[in-house]
Amino acid sequence: MKTATSLRRRAQGFTLVEMLVVIALVAILSAIAVPGFRDLLQNQRLASATSDFVAALSLARSEAIRRSQNVTVSPQGQGWGSGWTVRVAADSAAPPVRTFDALPGGVTVDTTLGNGFDTLVTYDGNGFSGEGNSYKAGCLALKAETGRRSAIVIPMSGRPKACDPDRKGDCGFSKCNAAGG
Protein backbone atom coordinates (compact mmCIF):
# COMPACT_ATOMS: atom_id res chain seq x y z
CA MET A 1 0.00 0.00 0.00
CA LYS A 2 1.25 3.51 -0.88
CA THR A 3 1.87 5.93 1.91
CA ALA A 4 0.51 9.48 1.97
CA THR A 5 4.05 10.89 1.72
CA SER A 6 4.81 9.13 -1.59
CA LEU A 7 1.50 10.34 -3.10
CA ARG A 8 2.25 13.95 -2.11
CA ARG A 9 5.67 13.84 -3.79
CA ARG A 10 4.19 12.78 -7.13
CA ALA A 11 1.44 15.42 -7.09
CA GLN A 12 3.70 18.40 -6.35
CA GLY A 13 3.75 19.77 -9.96
CA PHE A 14 6.41 22.10 -11.39
CA THR A 15 9.07 23.82 -9.41
CA LEU A 16 9.62 27.55 -9.72
CA VAL A 17 12.91 27.01 -11.59
CA GLU A 18 11.24 24.73 -14.15
CA MET A 19 8.49 27.26 -14.76
CA LEU A 20 10.99 30.12 -15.21
CA VAL A 21 12.96 28.07 -17.74
CA VAL A 22 9.80 27.42 -19.77
CA ILE A 23 8.82 31.12 -19.67
CA ALA A 24 12.32 32.12 -20.78
CA LEU A 25 12.20 29.66 -23.71
CA VAL A 26 8.78 30.94 -24.80
CA ALA A 27 10.04 34.55 -24.62
CA ILE A 28 13.13 33.76 -26.71
CA LEU A 29 11.12 31.91 -29.37
CA SER A 30 8.57 34.74 -29.51
CA ALA A 31 11.29 37.35 -29.92
CA ILE A 32 12.64 35.40 -32.90
CA ALA A 33 9.25 34.70 -34.53
CA VAL A 34 7.45 38.06 -34.20
CA PRO A 35 9.62 40.14 -36.60
CA GLY A 36 9.43 37.44 -39.24
CA PHE A 37 5.67 37.23 -38.84
CA ARG A 38 5.37 41.02 -39.16
CA ASP A 39 7.31 40.97 -42.45
CA LEU A 40 5.17 38.09 -43.69
CA LEU A 41 2.02 40.07 -42.86
CA GLN A 42 3.30 43.21 -44.65
CA ASN A 43 4.26 41.22 -47.74
CA GLN A 44 0.84 39.56 -47.75
CA ARG A 45 -0.83 42.99 -47.60
CA LEU A 46 1.28 44.04 -50.59
CA ALA A 47 0.22 40.95 -52.55
CA SER A 48 -3.43 41.57 -51.66
CA ALA A 49 -3.30 45.23 -52.74
CA THR A 50 -1.64 44.24 -56.02
CA SER A 51 -4.28 41.60 -56.63
CA ASP A 52 -7.08 44.10 -55.92
CA PHE A 53 -5.63 46.59 -58.38
CA VAL A 54 -5.27 43.97 -61.11
CA ALA A 55 -8.87 42.91 -60.41
CA ALA A 56 -10.06 46.52 -60.80
CA LEU A 57 -8.24 46.88 -64.13
CA SER A 58 -9.56 43.53 -65.38
CA LEU A 59 -13.09 44.53 -64.36
CA ALA A 60 -12.78 47.86 -66.18
CA ARG A 61 -11.47 46.15 -69.31
CA SER A 62 -14.23 43.53 -69.37
CA GLU A 63 -16.92 46.17 -68.70
CA ALA A 64 -15.57 48.32 -71.55
CA ILE A 65 -15.77 45.36 -73.92
CA ARG A 66 -19.20 44.32 -72.66
CA ARG A 67 -20.65 47.84 -72.92
CA SER A 68 -18.68 48.85 -76.05
CA GLN A 69 -17.77 52.17 -74.46
CA ASN A 70 -14.99 53.72 -72.43
CA VAL A 71 -14.58 52.67 -68.80
CA THR A 72 -12.10 54.35 -66.46
CA VAL A 73 -10.25 53.43 -63.31
CA SER A 74 -9.46 56.56 -61.33
CA PRO A 75 -8.10 57.27 -57.86
CA GLN A 76 -10.37 58.42 -55.07
CA GLY A 77 -9.07 61.61 -53.55
CA GLN A 78 -5.35 62.31 -53.69
CA GLY A 79 -3.65 59.49 -55.58
CA TRP A 80 -4.03 55.74 -55.81
CA GLY A 81 -3.23 55.19 -52.13
CA SER A 82 -6.68 56.40 -51.08
CA GLY A 83 -8.55 53.81 -53.17
CA TRP A 84 -9.87 53.70 -56.72
CA THR A 85 -13.15 53.62 -58.61
CA VAL A 86 -14.24 51.85 -61.79
CA ARG A 87 -16.87 53.81 -63.72
CA VAL A 88 -18.35 54.23 -67.18
CA ALA A 89 -16.52 57.24 -68.61
CA ALA A 90 -19.46 58.66 -70.57
CA ASP A 91 -21.75 58.71 -67.53
CA SER A 92 -19.87 60.29 -64.64
CA ALA A 93 -23.15 61.01 -62.81
CA ALA A 94 -24.07 57.31 -62.69
CA PRO A 95 -22.98 55.26 -59.71
CA PRO A 96 -19.59 53.61 -60.11
CA VAL A 97 -19.34 50.04 -61.33
CA ARG A 98 -17.22 49.27 -58.26
CA THR A 99 -15.24 51.12 -55.62
CA PHE A 100 -12.07 49.72 -54.03
CA ASP A 101 -10.73 50.56 -50.57
CA ALA A 102 -7.53 52.42 -49.79
CA LEU A 103 -4.21 50.63 -49.65
CA PRO A 104 -3.71 48.72 -46.40
CA GLY A 105 -1.40 50.03 -43.68
CA GLY A 106 2.27 49.62 -44.49
CA VAL A 107 1.71 49.60 -48.27
CA THR A 108 2.30 52.75 -50.34
CA VAL A 109 2.58 53.78 -53.97
CA ASP A 110 6.23 53.77 -55.04
CA THR A 111 6.54 57.01 -57.00
CA THR A 112 10.18 56.32 -57.90
CA LEU A 113 9.17 53.58 -60.32
CA GLY A 114 6.77 53.74 -63.25
CA ASN A 115 4.40 56.48 -64.32
CA GLY A 116 1.56 55.72 -61.90
CA PHE A 117 -0.75 55.52 -64.95
CA ASP A 118 -0.72 59.33 -64.94
CA THR A 119 -3.63 59.29 -62.46
CA LEU A 120 -6.16 57.59 -64.75
CA VAL A 121 -6.60 54.43 -66.80
CA THR A 122 -9.15 54.36 -69.60
CA TYR A 123 -10.23 51.29 -71.57
CA ASP A 124 -11.97 51.69 -74.91
CA GLY A 125 -14.79 49.50 -76.19
CA ASN A 126 -12.28 47.06 -77.68
CA GLY A 127 -10.47 46.52 -74.37
CA PHE A 128 -7.33 48.49 -75.23
CA SER A 129 -5.91 50.97 -72.75
CA GLY A 130 -6.20 54.53 -73.98
CA GLU A 131 -8.80 56.39 -76.00
CA GLY A 132 -9.35 56.52 -79.71
CA ASN A 133 -6.19 55.62 -81.59
CA SER A 134 -3.82 56.67 -78.79
CA TYR A 135 -3.14 53.44 -76.96
CA LYS A 136 -1.21 53.77 -73.78
CA ALA A 137 0.97 51.49 -71.67
CA GLY A 138 1.84 52.16 -68.08
CA CYS A 139 2.97 50.90 -64.72
CA LEU A 140 2.10 51.45 -61.09
CA ALA A 141 4.46 50.19 -58.39
CA LEU A 142 3.50 49.46 -54.79
CA LYS A 143 5.93 49.09 -51.91
CA ALA A 144 5.62 47.47 -48.48
CA GLU A 145 7.41 48.72 -45.37
CA THR A 146 9.64 45.66 -45.67
CA GLY A 147 11.12 47.10 -48.88
CA ARG A 148 9.50 44.52 -51.13
CA ARG A 149 7.88 45.94 -54.25
CA SER A 150 5.22 44.82 -56.65
CA ALA A 151 4.20 46.36 -59.95
CA ILE A 152 1.09 46.38 -62.09
CA VAL A 153 1.88 46.76 -65.79
CA ILE A 154 -0.56 47.54 -68.57
CA PRO A 155 0.91 46.82 -72.02
CA MET A 156 -0.56 48.27 -75.21
CA SER A 157 -2.98 45.34 -75.42
CA GLY A 158 -4.61 46.49 -72.18
CA ARG A 159 -4.42 43.23 -70.26
CA PRO A 160 -3.01 44.02 -66.77
CA LYS A 161 -0.23 41.94 -65.28
CA ALA A 162 1.36 41.86 -61.82
CA CYS A 163 5.12 41.47 -61.67
CA ASP A 164 8.15 41.91 -59.44
CA PRO A 165 10.17 44.92 -60.64
CA ASP A 166 13.22 43.75 -58.69
CA ARG A 167 13.45 40.40 -60.49
CA LYS A 168 15.33 40.61 -63.75
CA GLY A 169 13.05 40.38 -66.78
CA ASP A 170 9.81 39.83 -64.86
CA CYS A 171 8.23 43.13 -65.91
CA GLY A 172 9.38 42.99 -69.51
CA PHE A 173 10.67 46.20 -71.06
CA SER A 174 8.23 48.61 -69.38
CA LYS A 175 9.00 51.56 -67.16
CA CYS A 176 8.65 49.24 -64.16
CA ASN A 177 11.59 47.11 -65.21
CA ALA A 178 14.07 48.43 -62.64
CA ALA A 179 16.34 45.41 -62.99
CA GLY A 180 17.21 46.24 -66.57
CA GLY A 181 15.30 43.68 -68.64
C-alpha atoms as a PDB file:
ATOM      1  CA  MET A   1       0.000   0.000   0.000  1.00  0.00           C
ATOM      2  CA  LYS A   2       1.252   3.507  -0.877  1.00  0.00           C
ATOM      3  CA  THR A   3       1.866   5.928   1.909  1.00  0.00           C
ATOM      4  CA  ALA A   4       0.508   9.483   1.967  1.00  0.00           C
ATOM      5  CA  THR A   5       4.050  10.885   1.724  1.00  0.00           C
ATOM      6  CA  SER A   6       4.807   9.129  -1.590  1.00  0.00           C
ATOM      7  CA  LEU A   7       1.496  10.336  -3.100  1.00  0.00           C
ATOM      8  CA  ARG A   8       2.252  13.949  -2.111  1.00  0.00           C
ATOM      9  CA  ARG A   9       5.669  13.841  -3.788  1.00  0.00           C
ATOM     10  CA  ARG A  10       4.186  12.783  -7.126  1.00  0.00           C
ATOM     11  CA  ALA A  11       1.437  15.424  -7.092  1.00  0.00           C
ATOM     12  CA  GLN A  12       3.697  18.400  -6.349  1.00  0.00           C
ATOM     13  CA  GLY A  13       3.754  19.772  -9.962  1.00  0.00           C
ATOM     14  CA  PHE A  14       6.412  22.103 -11.392  1.00  0.00           C
ATOM     15  CA  THR A  15       9.071  23.821  -9.413  1.00  0.00           C
ATOM     16  CA  LEU A  16       9.624  27.551  -9.718  1.00  0.00           C
ATOM     17  CA  VAL A  17      12.907  27.008 -11.589  1.00  0.00           C
ATOM     18  CA  GLU A  18      11.244  24.729 -14.152  1.00  0.00           C
ATOM     19  CA  MET A  19       8.491  27.261 -14.759  1.00  0.00           C
ATOM     20  CA  LEU A  20      10.994  30.120 -15.206  1.00  0.00           C
ATOM     21  CA  VAL A  21      12.962  28.074 -17.742  1.00  0.00           C
ATOM     22  CA  VAL A  22       9.799  27.418 -19.770  1.00  0.00           C
ATOM     23  CA  ILE A  23       8.822  31.116 -19.667  1.00  0.00           C
ATOM     24  CA  ALA A  24      12.324  32.120 -20.781  1.00  0.00           C
ATOM     25  CA  LEU A  25      12.202  29.658 -23.712  1.00  0.00           C
ATOM     26  CA  VAL A  26       8.782  30.941 -24.805  1.00  0.00           C
ATOM     27  CA  ALA A  27      10.036  34.553 -24.624  1.00  0.00           C
ATOM     28  CA  ILE A  28      13.129  33.760 -26.709  1.00  0.00           C
ATOM     29  CA  LEU A  29      11.119  31.910 -29.371  1.00  0.00           C
ATOM     30  CA  SER A  30       8.567  34.737 -29.513  1.00  0.00           C
ATOM     31  CA  ALA A  31      11.294  37.349 -29.924  1.00  0.00           C
ATOM     32  CA  ILE A  32      12.639  35.398 -32.896  1.00  0.00           C
ATOM     33  CA  ALA A  33       9.255  34.702 -34.529  1.00  0.00           C
ATOM     34  CA  VAL A  34       7.452  38.062 -34.197  1.00  0.00           C
ATOM     35  CA  PRO A  35       9.619  40.145 -36.602  1.00  0.00           C
ATOM     36  CA  GLY A  36       9.433  37.444 -39.243  1.00  0.00           C
ATOM     37  CA  PHE A  37       5.671  37.231 -38.837  1.00  0.00           C
ATOM     38  CA  ARG A  38       5.370  41.023 -39.159  1.00  0.00           C
ATOM     39  CA  ASP A  39       7.313  40.966 -42.449  1.00  0.00           C
ATOM     40  CA  LEU A  40       5.173  38.094 -43.691  1.00  0.00           C
ATOM     41  CA  LEU A  41       2.022  40.070 -42.856  1.00  0.00           C
ATOM     42  CA  GLN A  42       3.295  43.207 -44.650  1.00  0.00           C
ATOM     43  CA  ASN A  43       4.258  41.218 -47.744  1.00  0.00           C
ATOM     44  CA  GLN A  44       0.837  39.558 -47.753  1.00  0.00           C
ATOM     45  CA  ARG A  45      -0.826  42.987 -47.602  1.00  0.00           C
ATOM     46  CA  LEU A  46       1.276  44.043 -50.594  1.00  0.00           C
ATOM     47  CA  ALA A  47       0.216  40.948 -52.548  1.00  0.00           C
ATOM     48  CA  SER A  48      -3.427  41.566 -51.662  1.00  0.00           C
ATOM     49  CA  ALA A  49      -3.302  45.225 -52.737  1.00  0.00           C
ATOM     50  CA  THR A  50      -1.643  44.245 -56.015  1.00  0.00           C
ATOM     51  CA  SER A  51      -4.281  41.602 -56.635  1.00  0.00           C
ATOM     52  CA  ASP A  52      -7.078  44.103 -55.915  1.00  0.00           C
ATOM     53  CA  PHE A  53      -5.629  46.591 -58.383  1.00  0.00           C
ATOM     54  CA  VAL A  54      -5.267  43.965 -61.110  1.00  0.00           C
ATOM     55  CA  ALA A  55      -8.874  42.906 -60.413  1.00  0.00           C
ATOM     56  CA  ALA A  56     -10.057  46.517 -60.805  1.00  0.00           C
ATOM     57  CA  LEU A  57      -8.243  46.877 -64.131  1.00  0.00           C
ATOM     58  CA  SER A  58      -9.561  43.534 -65.378  1.00  0.00           C
ATOM     59  CA  LEU A  59     -13.094  44.531 -64.362  1.00  0.00           C
ATOM     60  CA  ALA A  60     -12.785  47.858 -66.179  1.00  0.00           C
ATOM     61  CA  ARG A  61     -11.466  46.155 -69.314  1.00  0.00           C
ATOM     62  CA  SER A  62     -14.226  43.534 -69.368  1.00  0.00           C
ATOM     63  CA  GLU A  63     -16.915  46.174 -68.700  1.00  0.00           C
ATOM     64  CA  ALA A  64     -15.567  48.320 -71.554  1.00  0.00           C
ATOM     65  CA  ILE A  65     -15.765  45.358 -73.924  1.00  0.00           C
ATOM     66  CA  ARG A  66     -19.196  44.321 -72.657  1.00  0.00           C
ATOM     67  CA  ARG A  67     -20.655  47.838 -72.923  1.00  0.00           C
ATOM     68  CA  SER A  68     -18.684  48.850 -76.055  1.00  0.00           C
ATOM     69  CA  GLN A  69     -17.770  52.166 -74.458  1.00  0.00           C
ATOM     70  CA  ASN A  70     -14.988  53.723 -72.426  1.00  0.00           C
ATOM     71  CA  VAL A  71     -14.578  52.671 -68.805  1.00  0.00           C
ATOM     72  CA  THR A  72     -12.101  54.353 -66.459  1.00  0.00           C
ATOM     73  CA  VAL A  73     -10.246  53.430 -63.311  1.00  0.00           C
ATOM     74  CA  SER A  74      -9.457  56.559 -61.334  1.00  0.00           C
ATOM     75  CA  PRO A  75      -8.098  57.266 -57.864  1.00  0.00           C
ATOM     76  CA  GLN A  76     -10.366  58.418 -55.071  1.00  0.00           C
ATOM     77  CA  GLY A  77      -9.066  61.615 -53.548  1.00  0.00           C
ATOM     78  CA  GLN A  78      -5.349  62.313 -53.693  1.00  0.00           C
ATOM     79  CA  GLY A  79      -3.655  59.493 -55.575  1.00  0.00           C
ATOM     80  CA  TRP A  80      -4.034  55.737 -55.811  1.00  0.00           C
ATOM     81  CA  GLY A  81      -3.234  55.186 -52.135  1.00  0.00           C
ATOM     82  CA  SER A  82      -6.683  56.397 -51.081  1.00  0.00           C
ATOM     83  CA  GLY A  83      -8.547  53.811 -53.166  1.00  0.00           C
ATOM     84  CA  TRP A  84      -9.867  53.698 -56.716  1.00  0.00           C
ATOM     85  CA  THR A  85     -13.146  53.616 -58.611  1.00  0.00           C
ATOM     86  CA  VAL A  86     -14.244  51.847 -61.793  1.00  0.00           C
ATOM     87  CA  ARG A  87     -16.870  53.814 -63.716  1.00  0.00           C
ATOM     88  CA  VAL A  88     -18.346  54.226 -67.184  1.00  0.00           C
ATOM     89  CA  ALA A  89     -16.524  57.244 -68.611  1.00  0.00           C
ATOM     90  CA  ALA A  90     -19.461  58.660 -70.567  1.00  0.00           C
ATOM     91  CA  ASP A  91     -21.752  58.711 -67.531  1.00  0.00           C
ATOM     92  CA  SER A  92     -19.871  60.292 -64.638  1.00  0.00           C
ATOM     93  CA  ALA A  93     -23.151  61.010 -62.811  1.00  0.00           C
ATOM     94  CA  ALA A  94     -24.074  57.311 -62.692  1.00  0.00           C
ATOM     95  CA  PRO A  95     -22.983  55.261 -59.705  1.00  0.00           C
ATOM     96  CA  PRO A  96     -19.587  53.609 -60.108  1.00  0.00           C
ATOM     97  CA  VAL A  97     -19.340  50.039 -61.326  1.00  0.00           C
ATOM     98  CA  ARG A  98     -17.217  49.270 -58.255  1.00  0.00           C
ATOM     99  CA  THR A  99     -15.238  51.124 -55.624  1.00  0.00           C
ATOM    100  CA  PHE A 100     -12.075  49.724 -54.034  1.00  0.00           C
ATOM    101  CA  ASP A 101     -10.726  50.562 -50.570  1.00  0.00           C
ATOM    102  CA  ALA A 102      -7.532  52.425 -49.786  1.00  0.00           C
ATOM    103  CA  LEU A 103      -4.210  50.632 -49.645  1.00  0.00           C
ATOM    104  CA  PRO A 104      -3.709  48.716 -46.395  1.00  0.00           C
ATOM    105  CA  GLY A 105      -1.400  50.035 -43.678  1.00  0.00           C
ATOM    106  CA  GLY A 106       2.271  49.615 -44.487  1.00  0.00           C
ATOM    107  CA  VAL A 107       1.707  49.598 -48.267  1.00  0.00           C
ATOM    108  CA  THR A 108       2.304  52.745 -50.335  1.00  0.00           C
ATOM    109  CA  VAL A 109       2.582  53.782 -53.965  1.00  0.00           C
ATOM    110  CA  ASP A 110       6.233  53.769 -55.036  1.00  0.00           C
ATOM    111  CA  THR A 111       6.540  57.010 -56.996  1.00  0.00           C
ATOM    112  CA  THR A 112      10.179  56.320 -57.904  1.00  0.00           C
ATOM    113  CA  LEU A 113       9.166  53.581 -60.322  1.00  0.00           C
ATOM    114  CA  GLY A 114       6.767  53.738 -63.254  1.00  0.00           C
ATOM    115  CA  ASN A 115       4.400  56.485 -64.324  1.00  0.00           C
ATOM    116  CA  GLY A 116       1.558  55.718 -61.895  1.00  0.00           C
ATOM    117  CA  PHE A 117      -0.745  55.519 -64.948  1.00  0.00           C
ATOM    118  CA  ASP A 118      -0.718  59.328 -64.943  1.00  0.00           C
ATOM    119  CA  THR A 119      -3.633  59.291 -62.457  1.00  0.00           C
ATOM    120  CA  LEU A 120      -6.163  57.590 -64.749  1.00  0.00           C
ATOM    121  CA  VAL A 121      -6.595  54.425 -66.803  1.00  0.00           C
ATOM    122  CA  THR A 122      -9.153  54.363 -69.599  1.00  0.00           C
ATOM    123  CA  TYR A 123     -10.225  51.289 -71.571  1.00  0.00           C
ATOM    124  CA  ASP A 124     -11.972  51.695 -74.906  1.00  0.00           C
ATOM    125  CA  GLY A 125     -14.786  49.502 -76.187  1.00  0.00           C
ATOM    126  CA  ASN A 126     -12.277  47.057 -77.676  1.00  0.00           C
ATOM    127  CA  GLY A 127     -10.472  46.516 -74.366  1.00  0.00           C
ATOM    128  CA  PHE A 128      -7.335  48.493 -75.229  1.00  0.00           C
ATOM    129  CA  SER A 129      -5.912  50.968 -72.750  1.00  0.00           C
ATOM    130  CA  GLY A 130      -6.204  54.532 -73.982  1.00  0.00           C
ATOM    131  CA  GLU A 131      -8.803  56.387 -75.996  1.00  0.00           C
ATOM    132  CA  GLY A 132      -9.354  56.516 -79.713  1.00  0.00           C
ATOM    133  CA  ASN A 133      -6.187  55.618 -81.592  1.00  0.00           C
ATOM    134  CA  SER A 134      -3.822  56.672 -78.795  1.00  0.00           C
ATOM    135  CA  TYR A 135      -3.141  53.442 -76.956  1.00  0.00           C
ATOM    136  CA  LYS A 136      -1.209  53.773 -73.784  1.00  0.00           C
ATOM    137  CA  ALA A 137       0.973  51.487 -71.670  1.00  0.00           C
ATOM    138  CA  GLY A 138       1.842  52.165 -68.084  1.00  0.00           C
ATOM    139  CA  CYS A 139       2.968  50.904 -64.723  1.00  0.00           C
ATOM    140  CA  LEU A 140       2.101  51.452 -61.091  1.00  0.00           C
ATOM    141  CA  ALA A 141       4.458  50.188 -58.394  1.00  0.00           C
ATOM    142  CA  LEU A 142       3.501  49.459 -54.787  1.00  0.00           C
ATOM    143  CA  LYS A 143       5.927  49.093 -51.911  1.00  0.00           C
ATOM    144  CA  ALA A 144       5.620  47.468 -48.481  1.00  0.00           C
ATOM    145  CA  GLU A 145       7.407  48.715 -45.370  1.00  0.00           C
ATOM    146  CA  THR A 146       9.639  45.659 -45.671  1.00  0.00           C
ATOM    147  CA  GLY A 147      11.116  47.098 -48.883  1.00  0.00           C
ATOM    148  CA  ARG A 148       9.500  44.521 -51.128  1.00  0.00           C
ATOM    149  CA  ARG A 149       7.879  45.942 -54.248  1.00  0.00           C
ATOM    150  CA  SER A 150       5.217  44.816 -56.653  1.00  0.00           C
ATOM    151  CA  ALA A 151       4.195  46.359 -59.947  1.00  0.00           C
ATOM    152  CA  ILE A 152       1.087  46.381 -62.091  1.00  0.00           C
ATOM    153  CA  VAL A 153       1.884  46.757 -65.787  1.00  0.00           C
ATOM    154  CA  ILE A 154      -0.558  47.540 -68.570  1.00  0.00           C
ATOM    155  CA  PRO A 155       0.910  46.824 -72.016  1.00  0.00           C
ATOM    156  CA  MET A 156      -0.559  48.274 -75.208  1.00  0.00           C
ATOM    157  CA  SER A 157      -2.981  45.340 -75.417  1.00  0.00           C
ATOM    158  CA  GLY A 158      -4.611  46.492 -72.176  1.00  0.00           C
ATOM    159  CA  ARG A 159      -4.420  43.225 -70.260  1.00  0.00           C
ATOM    160  CA  PRO A 160      -3.005  44.018 -66.770  1.00  0.00           C
ATOM    161  CA  LYS A 161      -0.227  41.942 -65.278  1.00  0.00           C
ATOM    162  CA  ALA A 162       1.360  41.861 -61.824  1.00  0.00           C
ATOM    163  CA  CYS A 163       5.117  41.467 -61.667  1.00  0.00           C
ATOM    164  CA  ASP A 164       8.147  41.906 -59.443  1.00  0.00           C
ATOM    165  CA  PRO A 165      10.168  44.915 -60.641  1.00  0.00           C
ATOM    166  CA  ASP A 166      13.218  43.754 -58.690  1.00  0.00           C
ATOM    167  CA  ARG A 167      13.451  40.402 -60.487  1.00  0.00           C
ATOM    168  CA  LYS A 168      15.331  40.614 -63.752  1.00  0.00           C
ATOM    169  CA  GLY A 169      13.050  40.384 -66.781  1.00  0.00           C
ATOM    170  CA  ASP A 170       9.808  39.829 -64.855  1.00  0.00           C
ATOM    171  CA  CYS A 171       8.229  43.130 -65.913  1.00  0.00           C
ATOM    172  CA  GLY A 172       9.380  42.988 -69.515  1.00  0.00           C
ATOM    173  CA  PHE A 173      10.667  46.195 -71.056  1.00  0.00           C
ATOM    174  CA  SER A 174       8.233  48.608 -69.383  1.00  0.00           C
ATOM    175  CA  LYS A 175       9.005  51.563 -67.158  1.00  0.00           C
ATOM    176  CA  CYS A 176       8.652  49.238 -64.163  1.00  0.00           C
ATOM    177  CA  ASN A 177      11.593  47.112 -65.211  1.00  0.00           C
ATOM    178  CA  ALA A 178      14.070  48.432 -62.642  1.00  0.00           C
ATOM    179  CA  ALA A 179      16.342  45.410 -62.993  1.00  0.00           C
ATOM    180  CA  GLY A 180      17.205  46.244 -66.569  1.00  0.00           C
ATOM    181  CA  GLY A 181      15.303  43.685 -68.645  1.00  0.00           C
END
